[in-house]
Amino acid sequence: MPEPIRCAGLYGIVPLKECSYLVLIADCKSVGELLGSDIYQIRRLEFVPLRSPISKKARMHNLQYISMVDQVASTGSLYFSSGLDLTLNLQALFSRSSPDARFFLNATYCRDFARYRIEALTTPVIQGVVEACC
């Protein structure tokens, strides 16, 4: 039996050559709090293949894509909150129940969760700058 993998959230499912990958938020740090909910900065994503084995050519192609996504994640510009939807402004937080697609960076990769009616597993991620003050 494979070892369990700890994660802070699910980034989504990324379809690549010959295989889709479950993308986990593997490492993050708290950078502040908003309305009683912690805001986390993503430090590392982990790609877990949902099928194996795959060809060497496909693996090389997939590693190239994974490397690019890892570069973006390592910039420190990806944020999420487990208790608050960061894609919404303060006014919308109290009137909307779904993430704002304009700011929902990983929306494309969360479509499978909606298709199978497991939206509760979705972790909306934004890209930008979060600064704690006061």
N, C-alpha and C. Protein backbone atom coordinates (compact mmCIF):
# COMPACT_ATOMS: atom_id res chain seq x y z
N MET A 1 0.83 -1.17 0.00
CA MET A 1 0.00 0.00 0.00
C MET A 1 0.89 1.25 0.00
N PRO A 2 0.58 2.24 -0.87
CA PRO A 2 1.41 3.45 -0.93
C PRO A 2 1.31 4.27 0.36
N GLU A 3 2.37 5.00 0.62
CA GLU A 3 2.40 5.88 1.79
C GLU A 3 1.39 7.02 1.62
N PRO A 4 0.69 7.40 2.69
CA PRO A 4 -0.21 8.55 2.59
C PRO A 4 0.60 9.83 2.36
N ILE A 5 0.01 10.75 1.65
CA ILE A 5 0.67 12.02 1.35
C ILE A 5 -0.08 13.13 2.09
N ARG A 6 0.64 13.89 2.88
CA ARG A 6 0.03 15.01 3.58
C ARG A 6 0.00 16.22 2.65
N CYS A 7 -1.10 16.95 2.72
CA CYS A 7 -1.18 18.16 1.91
C CYS A 7 -2.06 19.18 2.61
N ALA A 8 -1.90 20.44 2.22
CA ALA A 8 -2.69 21.53 2.80
C ALA A 8 -3.95 21.80 1.99
N GLY A 9 -4.00 21.27 0.78
CA GLY A 9 -5.16 21.48 -0.07
C GLY A 9 -4.97 20.84 -1.42
N LEU A 10 -6.03 20.83 -2.21
CA LEU A 10 -5.99 20.28 -3.57
C LEU A 10 -5.97 21.43 -4.57
N TYR A 11 -4.95 21.45 -5.40
CA TYR A 11 -4.83 22.47 -6.44
C TYR A 11 -5.72 22.10 -7.63
N GLY A 12 -5.82 20.80 -7.92
CA GLY A 12 -6.68 20.36 -9.00
C GLY A 12 -6.14 19.11 -9.68
N ILE A 13 -6.72 18.81 -10.84
CA ILE A 13 -6.28 17.67 -11.66
C ILE A 13 -5.81 18.22 -12.99
N VAL A 14 -4.55 17.93 -13.33
CA VAL A 14 -3.94 18.44 -14.55
C VAL A 14 -3.80 17.29 -15.55
N PRO A 15 -4.50 17.40 -16.69
CA PRO A 15 -4.35 16.35 -17.72
C PRO A 15 -3.11 16.62 -18.57
N LEU A 16 -2.20 15.65 -18.60
CA LEU A 16 -1.00 15.77 -19.43
C LEU A 16 -0.93 14.54 -20.34
N LYS A 17 0.17 14.39 -21.04
CA LYS A 17 0.31 13.28 -21.99
C LYS A 17 0.21 11.94 -21.28
N GLU A 18 -0.69 11.10 -21.76
CA GLU A 18 -0.89 9.73 -21.29
C GLU A 18 -1.35 9.60 -19.85
N CYS A 19 -1.44 10.70 -19.12
CA CYS A 19 -1.73 10.59 -17.69
C CYS A 19 -2.21 11.92 -17.14
N SER A 20 -3.13 11.86 -16.21
CA SER A 20 -3.53 13.05 -15.46
C SER A 20 -2.82 13.00 -14.10
N TYR A 21 -2.62 14.17 -13.53
CA TYR A 21 -1.95 14.28 -12.24
C TYR A 21 -2.86 14.99 -11.25
N LEU A 22 -2.94 14.46 -10.04
CA LEU A 22 -3.59 15.15 -8.95
C LEU A 22 -2.53 16.09 -8.38
N VAL A 23 -2.84 17.38 -8.33
CA VAL A 23 -1.87 18.37 -7.86
C VAL A 23 -2.25 18.79 -6.45
N LEU A 24 -1.32 18.57 -5.53
CA LEU A 24 -1.53 18.84 -4.12
C LEU A 24 -0.73 20.07 -3.69
N ILE A 25 -1.27 20.82 -2.76
CA ILE A 25 -0.50 21.90 -2.14
C ILE A 25 0.31 21.24 -1.04
N ALA A 26 1.58 20.99 -1.34
CA ALA A 26 2.44 20.19 -0.47
C ALA A 26 3.08 20.98 0.65
N ASP A 27 3.33 22.26 0.42
CA ASP A 27 3.98 23.07 1.45
C ASP A 27 3.46 24.50 1.34
N CYS A 28 3.19 25.09 2.48
CA CYS A 28 2.70 26.47 2.52
C CYS A 28 3.08 27.09 3.86
N LYS A 29 2.98 28.41 3.93
CA LYS A 29 3.21 29.08 5.22
C LYS A 29 2.15 30.14 5.42
N SER A 30 1.75 30.32 6.66
CA SER A 30 0.76 31.34 7.00
C SER A 30 1.41 32.71 6.90
N VAL A 31 0.74 33.63 6.20
CA VAL A 31 1.29 34.98 6.03
C VAL A 31 0.40 36.04 6.68
N GLY A 32 -0.68 35.62 7.29
CA GLY A 32 -1.56 36.57 7.93
C GLY A 32 -2.94 35.99 8.13
N GLU A 33 -3.84 36.87 8.56
CA GLU A 33 -5.20 36.44 8.85
C GLU A 33 -6.16 37.51 8.35
N LEU A 34 -7.30 37.05 7.82
CA LEU A 34 -8.35 37.96 7.36
C LEU A 34 -9.69 37.41 7.82
N LEU A 35 -10.44 38.21 8.53
CA LEU A 35 -11.76 37.81 9.04
C LEU A 35 -11.70 36.48 9.80
N GLY A 36 -10.64 36.29 10.56
CA GLY A 36 -10.50 35.09 11.37
C GLY A 36 -9.99 33.86 10.63
N SER A 37 -9.66 34.01 9.36
CA SER A 37 -9.15 32.86 8.57
C SER A 37 -7.70 33.10 8.17
N ASP A 38 -6.88 32.08 8.31
CA ASP A 38 -5.48 32.18 7.91
C ASP A 38 -5.35 32.28 6.40
N ILE A 39 -4.39 33.08 5.95
CA ILE A 39 -4.03 33.20 4.54
C ILE A 39 -2.69 32.50 4.39
N TYR A 40 -2.60 31.60 3.40
CA TYR A 40 -1.38 30.82 3.20
C TYR A 40 -0.73 31.14 1.87
N GLN A 41 0.59 31.17 1.90
CA GLN A 41 1.39 31.32 0.68
C GLN A 41 1.87 29.93 0.28
N ILE A 42 1.63 29.57 -0.97
CA ILE A 42 2.05 28.25 -1.46
C ILE A 42 3.55 28.27 -1.71
N ARG A 43 4.24 27.28 -1.17
CA ARG A 43 5.68 27.17 -1.37
C ARG A 43 6.04 26.03 -2.31
N ARG A 44 5.18 24.98 -2.35
CA ARG A 44 5.50 23.84 -3.21
C ARG A 44 4.23 23.07 -3.54
N LEU A 45 4.14 22.67 -4.81
CA LEU A 45 3.06 21.79 -5.27
C LEU A 45 3.64 20.41 -5.52
N GLU A 46 2.83 19.39 -5.34
CA GLU A 46 3.27 18.02 -5.63
C GLU A 46 2.32 17.41 -6.66
N PHE A 47 2.89 16.81 -7.69
CA PHE A 47 2.13 16.18 -8.76
C PHE A 47 2.12 14.67 -8.55
N VAL A 48 0.93 14.11 -8.38
CA VAL A 48 0.79 12.67 -8.15
C VAL A 48 0.13 12.06 -9.38
N PRO A 49 0.85 11.18 -10.11
CA PRO A 49 0.26 10.58 -11.31
C PRO A 49 -0.94 9.70 -10.95
N LEU A 50 -1.99 9.83 -11.73
CA LEU A 50 -3.18 9.01 -11.49
C LEU A 50 -3.16 7.73 -12.31
N ARG A 51 -2.09 7.54 -13.06
CA ARG A 51 -1.94 6.33 -13.86
C ARG A 51 -0.45 6.08 -14.06
N SER A 52 -0.06 4.85 -14.04
CA SER A 52 1.32 4.51 -14.37
C SER A 52 1.34 3.09 -14.89
N PRO A 53 2.28 2.67 -15.62
CA PRO A 53 3.41 3.46 -16.09
C PRO A 53 3.04 4.27 -17.34
N ILE A 54 3.87 5.24 -17.64
CA ILE A 54 3.71 6.00 -18.88
C ILE A 54 5.03 5.94 -19.64
N SER A 55 4.96 6.24 -20.92
CA SER A 55 6.17 6.14 -21.75
C SER A 55 7.21 7.17 -21.33
N LYS A 56 8.46 6.88 -21.68
CA LYS A 56 9.56 7.78 -21.34
C LYS A 56 9.37 9.14 -22.01
N LYS A 57 8.91 9.13 -23.25
CA LYS A 57 8.68 10.38 -23.99
C LYS A 57 7.61 11.23 -23.29
N ALA A 58 6.52 10.60 -22.89
CA ALA A 58 5.45 11.32 -22.20
C ALA A 58 5.93 11.82 -20.85
N ARG A 59 6.71 11.01 -20.14
CA ARG A 59 7.24 11.41 -18.84
C ARG A 59 8.11 12.65 -18.97
N MET A 60 8.96 12.69 -20.00
CA MET A 60 9.84 13.85 -20.23
C MET A 60 9.01 15.09 -20.54
N HIS A 61 8.00 14.93 -21.39
CA HIS A 61 7.11 16.06 -21.71
C HIS A 61 6.40 16.56 -20.45
N ASN A 62 5.88 15.64 -19.65
CA ASN A 62 5.16 16.01 -18.44
C ASN A 62 6.07 16.70 -17.43
N LEU A 63 7.30 16.20 -17.30
CA LEU A 63 8.24 16.82 -16.36
C LEU A 63 8.56 18.26 -16.75
N GLN A 64 8.59 18.53 -18.03
CA GLN A 64 8.83 19.89 -18.51
C GLN A 64 7.69 20.81 -18.05
N TYR A 65 6.46 20.36 -18.19
CA TYR A 65 5.30 21.14 -17.76
C TYR A 65 5.31 21.31 -16.24
N ILE A 66 5.54 20.22 -15.54
CA ILE A 66 5.56 20.25 -14.07
C ILE A 66 6.62 21.23 -13.58
N SER A 67 7.77 21.24 -14.23
CA SER A 67 8.85 22.14 -13.86
C SER A 67 8.42 23.60 -14.01
N MET A 68 7.69 23.91 -15.07
CA MET A 68 7.21 25.29 -15.28
C MET A 68 6.22 25.69 -14.18
N VAL A 69 5.32 24.79 -13.83
CA VAL A 69 4.34 25.09 -12.77
C VAL A 69 5.05 25.24 -11.43
N ASP A 70 6.04 24.40 -11.17
CA ASP A 70 6.82 24.51 -9.93
C ASP A 70 7.52 25.87 -9.84
N GLN A 71 8.02 26.36 -10.98
CA GLN A 71 8.68 27.67 -11.00
C GLN A 71 7.71 28.76 -10.57
N VAL A 72 6.49 28.72 -11.07
CA VAL A 72 5.48 29.71 -10.70
C VAL A 72 5.16 29.59 -9.21
N ALA A 73 4.99 28.37 -8.73
CA ALA A 73 4.66 28.15 -7.32
C ALA A 73 5.78 28.64 -6.40
N SER A 74 7.02 28.51 -6.85
CA SER A 74 8.15 28.90 -6.00
C SER A 74 8.39 30.41 -5.98
N THR A 75 7.65 31.19 -6.77
CA THR A 75 7.83 32.65 -6.76
C THR A 75 7.23 33.28 -5.51
N GLY A 76 6.38 32.55 -4.80
CA GLY A 76 5.76 33.11 -3.60
C GLY A 76 4.57 33.99 -3.92
N SER A 77 3.98 33.82 -5.10
CA SER A 77 2.87 34.68 -5.49
C SER A 77 1.52 33.96 -5.52
N LEU A 78 1.47 32.71 -5.02
CA LEU A 78 0.23 31.95 -5.00
C LEU A 78 -0.28 31.86 -3.57
N TYR A 79 -1.57 32.16 -3.38
CA TYR A 79 -2.15 32.21 -2.05
C TYR A 79 -3.50 31.51 -2.00
N PHE A 80 -3.86 31.00 -0.82
CA PHE A 80 -5.17 30.40 -0.60
C PHE A 80 -5.52 30.51 0.87
N SER A 81 -6.76 30.26 1.17
CA SER A 81 -7.23 30.20 2.55
C SER A 81 -8.20 29.05 2.65
N SER A 82 -8.10 28.28 3.72
CA SER A 82 -9.02 27.16 3.88
C SER A 82 -10.36 27.62 4.45
N GLY A 83 -10.43 28.83 4.99
CA GLY A 83 -11.67 29.29 5.59
C GLY A 83 -12.32 30.47 4.89
N LEU A 84 -11.69 30.96 3.81
CA LEU A 84 -12.16 32.17 3.15
C LEU A 84 -11.85 32.07 1.67
N ASP A 85 -12.75 32.50 0.83
CA ASP A 85 -12.51 32.48 -0.62
C ASP A 85 -11.82 33.77 -1.03
N LEU A 86 -10.52 33.68 -1.30
CA LEU A 86 -9.73 34.86 -1.64
C LEU A 86 -10.03 35.42 -3.03
N THR A 87 -10.81 34.70 -3.84
CA THR A 87 -11.16 35.21 -5.17
C THR A 87 -12.24 36.28 -5.09
N LEU A 88 -12.88 36.40 -3.94
CA LEU A 88 -13.99 37.35 -3.78
C LEU A 88 -13.55 38.58 -3.00
N ASN A 89 -14.14 39.74 -3.36
CA ASN A 89 -13.88 40.92 -2.55
C ASN A 89 -14.75 40.84 -1.30
N LEU A 90 -14.54 41.76 -0.38
CA LEU A 90 -15.23 41.69 0.91
C LEU A 90 -16.75 41.74 0.76
N GLN A 91 -17.24 42.58 -0.13
CA GLN A 91 -18.69 42.67 -0.33
C GLN A 91 -19.25 41.36 -0.87
N ALA A 92 -18.56 40.77 -1.84
CA ALA A 92 -19.04 39.53 -2.46
C ALA A 92 -18.97 38.34 -1.51
N LEU A 93 -18.07 38.39 -0.53
CA LEU A 93 -17.97 37.29 0.44
C LEU A 93 -19.30 37.01 1.13
N PHE A 94 -20.09 38.05 1.30
CA PHE A 94 -21.34 37.90 2.02
C PHE A 94 -22.54 37.72 1.11
N SER A 95 -22.32 37.76 -0.22
CA SER A 95 -23.46 37.63 -1.13
C SER A 95 -23.29 36.53 -2.18
N ARG A 96 -22.10 35.99 -2.33
CA ARG A 96 -21.85 34.93 -3.33
C ARG A 96 -21.40 33.67 -2.65
N SER A 97 -21.65 32.56 -3.31
CA SER A 97 -21.21 31.29 -2.73
C SER A 97 -20.15 30.60 -3.59
N SER A 98 -19.93 31.10 -4.80
CA SER A 98 -18.94 30.45 -5.67
C SER A 98 -17.79 31.41 -5.97
N PRO A 99 -16.60 30.85 -6.24
CA PRO A 99 -15.44 31.69 -6.51
C PRO A 99 -15.62 32.57 -7.75
N ASP A 100 -14.94 33.70 -7.76
CA ASP A 100 -14.94 34.62 -8.91
C ASP A 100 -13.94 34.10 -9.93
N ALA A 101 -14.43 33.68 -11.08
CA ALA A 101 -13.60 33.05 -12.12
C ALA A 101 -12.46 33.96 -12.58
N ARG A 102 -12.61 35.27 -12.46
CA ARG A 102 -11.56 36.19 -12.90
C ARG A 102 -10.28 36.04 -12.09
N PHE A 103 -10.41 35.61 -10.85
CA PHE A 103 -9.25 35.53 -9.96
C PHE A 103 -8.92 34.11 -9.52
N PHE A 104 -9.72 33.16 -9.92
CA PHE A 104 -9.60 31.76 -9.53
C PHE A 104 -8.56 31.10 -10.43
N LEU A 105 -7.28 31.21 -10.07
CA LEU A 105 -6.16 30.79 -10.91
C LEU A 105 -6.25 29.33 -11.34
N ASN A 106 -6.65 28.44 -10.47
CA ASN A 106 -6.67 27.02 -10.75
C ASN A 106 -8.05 26.49 -11.12
N ALA A 107 -8.95 27.37 -11.56
CA ALA A 107 -10.33 26.96 -11.87
C ALA A 107 -10.38 25.85 -12.91
N THR A 108 -9.58 25.96 -13.95
CA THR A 108 -9.57 24.94 -15.01
C THR A 108 -9.26 23.56 -14.44
N TYR A 109 -8.36 23.52 -13.48
CA TYR A 109 -7.94 22.24 -12.92
C TYR A 109 -8.91 21.69 -11.87
N CYS A 110 -9.90 22.49 -11.50
CA CYS A 110 -10.89 22.05 -10.51
C CYS A 110 -12.21 21.63 -11.16
N ARG A 111 -12.29 21.68 -12.48
CA ARG A 111 -13.53 21.33 -13.17
C ARG A 111 -13.98 19.90 -12.87
N ASP A 112 -13.04 18.98 -12.76
CA ASP A 112 -13.41 17.59 -12.47
C ASP A 112 -14.10 17.47 -11.12
N PHE A 113 -13.72 18.30 -10.16
CA PHE A 113 -14.37 18.27 -8.85
C PHE A 113 -15.84 18.66 -8.99
N ALA A 114 -16.11 19.67 -9.80
CA ALA A 114 -17.50 20.10 -10.02
C ALA A 114 -18.28 19.03 -10.79
N ARG A 115 -17.63 18.44 -11.79
CA ARG A 115 -18.30 17.42 -12.59
C ARG A 115 -18.76 16.24 -11.73
N TYR A 116 -17.96 15.89 -10.74
CA TYR A 116 -18.31 14.77 -9.86
C TYR A 116 -19.00 15.23 -8.58
N ARG A 117 -19.36 16.50 -8.56
CA ARG A 117 -20.10 17.11 -7.44
C ARG A 117 -19.35 17.01 -6.11
N ILE A 118 -18.06 17.24 -6.18
CA ILE A 118 -17.25 17.27 -4.97
C ILE A 118 -16.53 18.62 -4.88
N GLU A 119 -17.28 19.69 -5.15
CA GLU A 119 -16.72 21.04 -5.14
C GLU A 119 -16.11 21.41 -3.79
N ALA A 120 -16.57 20.77 -2.73
CA ALA A 120 -16.06 21.08 -1.40
C ALA A 120 -14.56 20.81 -1.30
N LEU A 121 -14.03 19.98 -2.20
CA LEU A 121 -12.60 19.69 -2.20
C LEU A 121 -11.78 20.77 -2.90
N THR A 122 -12.46 21.69 -3.56
CA THR A 122 -11.78 22.75 -4.32
C THR A 122 -11.09 23.73 -3.38
N THR A 123 -9.86 24.08 -3.71
CA THR A 123 -9.12 25.11 -2.98
C THR A 123 -8.83 26.25 -3.96
N PRO A 124 -9.66 27.31 -3.96
CA PRO A 124 -9.40 28.42 -4.87
C PRO A 124 -8.06 29.09 -4.55
N VAL A 125 -7.22 29.23 -5.57
CA VAL A 125 -5.90 29.84 -5.43
C VAL A 125 -5.88 31.13 -6.23
N ILE A 126 -5.27 32.16 -5.65
CA ILE A 126 -5.09 33.42 -6.37
C ILE A 126 -3.60 33.64 -6.59
N GLN A 127 -3.28 34.48 -7.57
CA GLN A 127 -1.90 34.88 -7.81
C GLN A 127 -1.81 36.37 -7.60
N GLY A 128 -0.85 36.80 -6.82
CA GLY A 128 -0.70 38.23 -6.55
C GLY A 128 0.18 38.45 -5.34
N VAL A 129 -0.18 39.47 -4.58
CA VAL A 129 0.59 39.82 -3.39
C VAL A 129 -0.38 39.94 -2.22
N VAL A 130 -0.03 39.32 -1.13
CA VAL A 130 -0.79 39.46 0.11
C VAL A 130 0.15 40.06 1.14
N GLU A 131 -0.29 41.15 1.73
CA GLU A 131 0.56 41.83 2.71
C GLU A 131 -0.24 42.01 3.99
N ALA A 132 0.31 41.51 5.08
CA ALA A 132 -0.34 41.66 6.39
C ALA A 132 0.13 42.96 7.03
N CYS A 133 -0.82 43.70 7.55
CA CYS A 133 -0.45 44.94 8.24
C CYS A 133 -1.34 45.12 9.46
N CYS A 134 -0.95 46.04 10.29
CA CYS A 134 -1.69 46.40 11.52
C CYS A 134 -1.67 45.28 12.47
